[in-house]
Amino acid sequence: MGRFIYGGSDSSAFTIDDRTLAHLELAIGTKFRRGESFLLTLRGRELPAGQGYREFWMNPAVWMQFHIDRPEAARPLNPAWVAAMVAAASTDRGLSLVREP
């Protein structure tokens, strides 16, 4: 399991499956390279309490890290999954983690 850290604080660290996190990192990077900000929503199992949701304004000016514990578990990357995440991030609802197609 990897960790997504938002805003530079360990209190804002979220555990996410390595494979999902690697795809999320690539999708976020794609949006940032395009100069686009968006909303990211983490729900339920991605949160320390296992319920509810947290929303994050994703912008290149915000400090964030992606810690992938087992990079080999994330490979090979699925371009269709990254594209689905990028497309979701471009909607009014923003990006939430979806299952791999």
Protein backbone atom coordinates (compact mmCIF):
# COMPACT_ATOMS: atom_id res chain seq x y z
CA MET A 1 0.00 0.00 0.00
CA GLY A 2 1.24 3.44 -0.90
CA ARG A 3 0.53 6.85 0.56
CA PHE A 4 -0.76 10.06 -0.95
CA ILE A 5 0.30 13.08 1.14
CA TYR A 6 -1.43 16.38 0.46
CA GLY A 7 -0.35 19.77 1.76
CA GLY A 8 2.88 18.68 3.42
CA SER A 9 1.42 17.24 6.60
CA ASP A 10 1.48 13.61 7.75
CA SER A 11 -2.02 14.23 9.12
CA SER A 12 -3.04 14.56 5.48
CA ALA A 13 -1.58 11.19 4.44
CA PHE A 14 -3.90 8.66 2.85
CA THR A 15 -3.24 4.98 2.19
CA ILE A 16 -4.03 3.90 -1.36
CA ASP A 17 -3.25 0.67 -3.20
CA ASP A 18 0.10 0.98 -5.04
CA ARG A 19 -1.38 0.22 -8.45
CA THR A 20 -4.19 2.74 -8.03
CA LEU A 21 -1.78 5.35 -6.67
CA ALA A 22 0.61 4.99 -9.63
CA HIS A 23 -2.27 5.59 -12.05
CA LEU A 24 -3.57 8.48 -9.97
CA GLU A 25 -0.12 10.10 -9.97
CA LEU A 26 0.07 9.89 -13.76
CA ALA A 27 -3.47 11.28 -14.20
CA ILE A 28 -2.75 14.19 -11.85
CA GLY A 29 0.53 14.90 -13.63
CA THR A 30 -1.28 14.91 -16.97
CA LYS A 31 -3.79 17.49 -15.73
CA PHE A 32 -1.03 19.66 -14.24
CA ARG A 33 1.03 19.58 -17.45
CA ARG A 34 -2.05 20.94 -19.21
CA GLY A 35 -2.25 23.75 -16.64
CA GLU A 36 -5.55 22.42 -15.28
CA SER A 37 -6.68 22.32 -11.65
CA PHE A 38 -9.49 20.06 -10.46
CA LEU A 39 -11.25 18.50 -7.49
CA LEU A 40 -10.17 15.10 -6.10
CA THR A 41 -12.51 13.19 -3.79
CA LEU A 42 -11.35 10.30 -1.61
CA ARG A 43 -14.10 8.18 -0.09
CA GLY A 44 -14.53 5.49 2.50
CA ARG A 45 -11.75 2.93 2.39
CA GLU A 46 -9.15 5.49 1.28
CA LEU A 47 -9.67 7.45 4.51
CA PRO A 48 -8.19 6.66 7.94
CA ALA A 49 -11.66 6.33 9.50
CA GLY A 50 -12.87 4.16 6.60
CA GLN A 51 -15.97 6.27 6.04
CA GLY A 52 -17.10 9.66 4.80
CA TYR A 53 -15.17 11.61 2.20
CA ARG A 54 -12.49 14.28 1.82
CA GLU A 55 -12.17 16.66 -1.10
CA PHE A 56 -8.93 18.28 -2.26
CA TRP A 57 -8.37 21.13 -4.68
CA MET A 58 -5.63 19.79 -6.92
CA ASN A 59 -3.35 22.54 -8.12
CA PRO A 60 0.37 22.43 -8.96
CA ALA A 61 1.02 25.09 -6.30
CA VAL A 62 -0.07 22.69 -3.52
CA TRP A 63 2.65 20.47 -2.06
CA MET A 64 1.93 16.76 -2.47
CA GLN A 65 3.79 13.46 -2.54
CA PHE A 66 3.09 10.00 -3.85
CA HIS A 67 4.83 7.17 -1.96
CA ILE A 68 4.55 3.89 -3.84
CA ASP A 69 5.85 1.03 -1.71
CA ARG A 70 6.00 -1.65 -4.41
CA PRO A 71 6.50 -0.10 -7.86
CA GLU A 72 6.54 -3.53 -9.50
CA ALA A 73 2.94 -4.06 -8.34
CA ALA A 74 1.87 -0.96 -10.27
CA ARG A 75 3.28 -2.11 -13.62
CA PRO A 76 2.38 -2.29 -16.38
CA LEU A 77 0.35 0.91 -16.38
CA ASN A 78 -3.08 0.80 -18.00
CA PRO A 79 -3.48 3.80 -20.37
CA ALA A 80 -7.28 3.33 -20.46
CA TRP A 81 -7.46 3.71 -16.67
CA VAL A 82 -5.32 6.87 -16.73
CA ALA A 83 -7.49 8.29 -19.52
CA ALA A 84 -10.65 7.52 -17.53
CA MET A 85 -9.23 9.35 -14.50
CA VAL A 86 -8.18 12.36 -16.60
CA ALA A 87 -11.65 12.47 -18.19
CA ALA A 88 -13.35 12.25 -14.78
CA ALA A 89 -11.14 15.05 -13.43
CA SER A 90 -12.39 17.25 -16.29
CA THR A 91 -16.04 16.98 -15.20
CA ASP A 92 -17.96 19.16 -12.74
CA ARG A 93 -17.77 16.40 -10.12
CA GLY A 94 -14.00 16.03 -10.43
CA LEU A 95 -11.94 12.90 -9.93
CA SER A 96 -12.75 10.12 -7.53
CA LEU A 97 -11.00 6.77 -7.55
CA VAL A 98 -12.63 4.37 -9.96
CA ARG A 99 -11.97 0.71 -10.59
CA GLU A 100 -9.57 -0.28 -13.31
CA PRO A 101 -11.38 -0.93 -16.61
